[in-house]
Amino acid sequence: MSRLKHAKELAQRQGLTVLEVVQTKGDHIRVRASNSMGWVANFILPFTPSDWRGERNKAAEFRRFARGTYNPN
């Protein structure tokens, strides 16, 4: 599975609607997503799959945003 598709699925599993997933020029992944309250936010993820803690932390950030208790903007 590609890293972009994996990032999209990670956000969707946490309850977000993914609007866009792109690879940045700096080799990161930018996920633009909205929650059920209509808030839209950008999230930056590392492109390398070796940082397993970073992925878990980002999933927690997605969950907080989906609940409306966190706004990264």
C-alpha atoms as a PDB file:
ATOM      1  CA  MET A   1       0.000   0.000   0.000  1.00  0.00           C
ATOM      2  CA  SER A   2       1.328   3.427  -0.852  1.00  0.00           C
ATOM      3  CA  ARG A   3       2.140   5.842   1.964  1.00  0.00           C
ATOM      4  CA  LEU A   4      -0.396   8.364   0.628  1.00  0.00           C
ATOM      5  CA  LYS A   5      -3.191   5.794   0.636  1.00  0.00           C
ATOM      6  CA  HIS A   6      -2.148   4.634   4.111  1.00  0.00           C
ATOM      7  CA  ALA A   7      -2.281   8.222   5.433  1.00  0.00           C
ATOM      8  CA  LYS A   8      -5.745   8.684   3.941  1.00  0.00           C
ATOM      9  CA  GLU A   9      -7.038   5.485   5.512  1.00  0.00           C
ATOM     10  CA  LEU A  10      -5.494   6.397   8.876  1.00  0.00           C
ATOM     11  CA  ALA A  11      -7.464   9.668   8.927  1.00  0.00           C
ATOM     12  CA  GLN A  12     -10.673   8.002   7.737  1.00  0.00           C
ATOM     13  CA  ARG A  13     -10.451   5.317  10.438  1.00  0.00           C
ATOM     14  CA  GLN A  14     -10.438   8.089  13.045  1.00  0.00           C
ATOM     15  CA  GLY A  15     -13.712   9.521  11.701  1.00  0.00           C
ATOM     16  CA  LEU A  16     -12.485  12.287   9.418  1.00  0.00           C
ATOM     17  CA  THR A  17     -13.532  13.127   5.882  1.00  0.00           C
ATOM     18  CA  VAL A  18     -10.368  13.370   3.813  1.00  0.00           C
ATOM     19  CA  LEU A  19     -10.441  16.182   1.278  1.00  0.00           C
ATOM     20  CA  GLU A  20      -6.893  15.921  -0.092  1.00  0.00           C
ATOM     21  CA  VAL A  21      -3.695  13.922   0.393  1.00  0.00           C
ATOM     22  CA  VAL A  22      -0.491  15.144  -1.259  1.00  0.00           C
ATOM     23  CA  GLN A  23       3.225  14.619  -0.934  1.00  0.00           C
ATOM     24  CA  THR A  24       5.012  17.875  -0.159  1.00  0.00           C
ATOM     25  CA  LYS A  25       8.285  18.978  -1.720  1.00  0.00           C
ATOM     26  CA  GLY A  26       9.965  18.240   1.613  1.00  0.00           C
ATOM     27  CA  ASP A  27       9.002  14.541   1.481  1.00  0.00           C
ATOM     28  CA  HIS A  28       6.170  14.738   3.960  1.00  0.00           C
ATOM     29  CA  ILE A  29       2.495  13.963   3.512  1.00  0.00           C
ATOM     30  CA  ARG A  30      -0.130  16.678   3.901  1.00  0.00           C
ATOM     31  CA  VAL A  31      -3.640  15.505   4.738  1.00  0.00           C
ATOM     32  CA  ARG A  32      -6.449  18.051   4.475  1.00  0.00           C
ATOM     33  CA  ALA A  33      -9.477  16.752   6.341  1.00  0.00           C
ATOM     34  CA  SER A  34     -12.736  17.880   7.907  1.00  0.00           C
ATOM     35  CA  ASN A  35     -14.582  16.670  10.962  1.00  0.00           C
ATOM     36  CA  SER A  36     -18.331  16.309  11.591  1.00  0.00           C
ATOM     37  CA  MET A  37     -18.561  19.936  12.785  1.00  0.00           C
ATOM     38  CA  GLY A  38     -17.327  21.229   9.446  1.00  0.00           C
ATOM     39  CA  TRP A  39     -13.882  22.283  10.671  1.00  0.00           C
ATOM     40  CA  VAL A  40     -11.148  21.848   8.066  1.00  0.00           C
ATOM     41  CA  ALA A  41      -7.501  21.359   8.992  1.00  0.00           C
ATOM     42  CA  ASN A  42      -4.163  20.397   7.447  1.00  0.00           C
ATOM     43  CA  PHE A  43      -2.021  17.690   9.029  1.00  0.00           C
ATOM     44  CA  ILE A  44       1.598  16.942   8.171  1.00  0.00           C
ATOM     45  CA  LEU A  45       2.875  13.360   8.462  1.00  0.00           C
ATOM     46  CA  PRO A  46       6.357  11.954   7.877  1.00  0.00           C
ATOM     47  CA  PHE A  47       6.740  10.115   4.572  1.00  0.00           C
ATOM     48  CA  THR A  48       9.048   7.442   6.001  1.00  0.00           C
ATOM     49  CA  PRO A  49       7.267   4.389   7.449  1.00  0.00           C
ATOM     50  CA  SER A  50       9.930   3.734  10.103  1.00  0.00           C
ATOM     51  CA  ASP A  51       8.527   6.194  12.658  1.00  0.00           C
ATOM     52  CA  TRP A  52       5.809   4.023  14.224  1.00  0.00           C
ATOM     53  CA  ARG A  53       5.346   6.315  17.242  1.00  0.00           C
ATOM     54  CA  GLY A  54       4.790   9.290  14.964  1.00  0.00           C
ATOM     55  CA  GLU A  55       2.001   7.434  13.206  1.00  0.00           C
ATOM     56  CA  ARG A  56       0.321   6.543  16.502  1.00  0.00           C
ATOM     57  CA  ASN A  57       0.634  10.129  17.711  1.00  0.00           C
ATOM     58  CA  LYS A  58      -0.885  11.415  14.477  1.00  0.00           C
ATOM     59  CA  ALA A  59      -3.785   8.951  14.817  1.00  0.00           C
ATOM     60  CA  ALA A  60      -4.440  10.353  18.307  1.00  0.00           C
ATOM     61  CA  GLU A  61      -4.325  13.884  16.869  1.00  0.00           C
ATOM     62  CA  PHE A  62      -6.847  12.844  14.182  1.00  0.00           C
ATOM     63  CA  ARG A  63      -9.152  11.420  16.886  1.00  0.00           C
ATOM     64  CA  ARG A  64      -8.987  14.615  18.973  1.00  0.00           C
ATOM     65  CA  PHE A  65      -9.788  16.702  15.898  1.00  0.00           C
ATOM     66  CA  ALA A  66     -12.671  14.371  14.956  1.00  0.00           C
ATOM     67  CA  ARG A  67     -14.165  14.833  18.459  1.00  0.00           C
ATOM     68  CA  GLY A  68     -13.728  18.606  18.265  1.00  0.00           C
ATOM     69  CA  THR A  69     -11.370  18.862  21.240  1.00  0.00           C
ATOM     70  CA  TYR A  70      -8.392  19.925  19.134  1.00  0.00           C
ATOM     71  CA  ASN A  71      -7.909  22.329  16.241  1.00  0.00           C
ATOM     72  CA  PRO A  72      -4.393  22.332  14.746  1.00  0.00           C
ATOM     73  CA  ASN A  73      -4.933  25.607  12.853  1.00  0.00           C
END
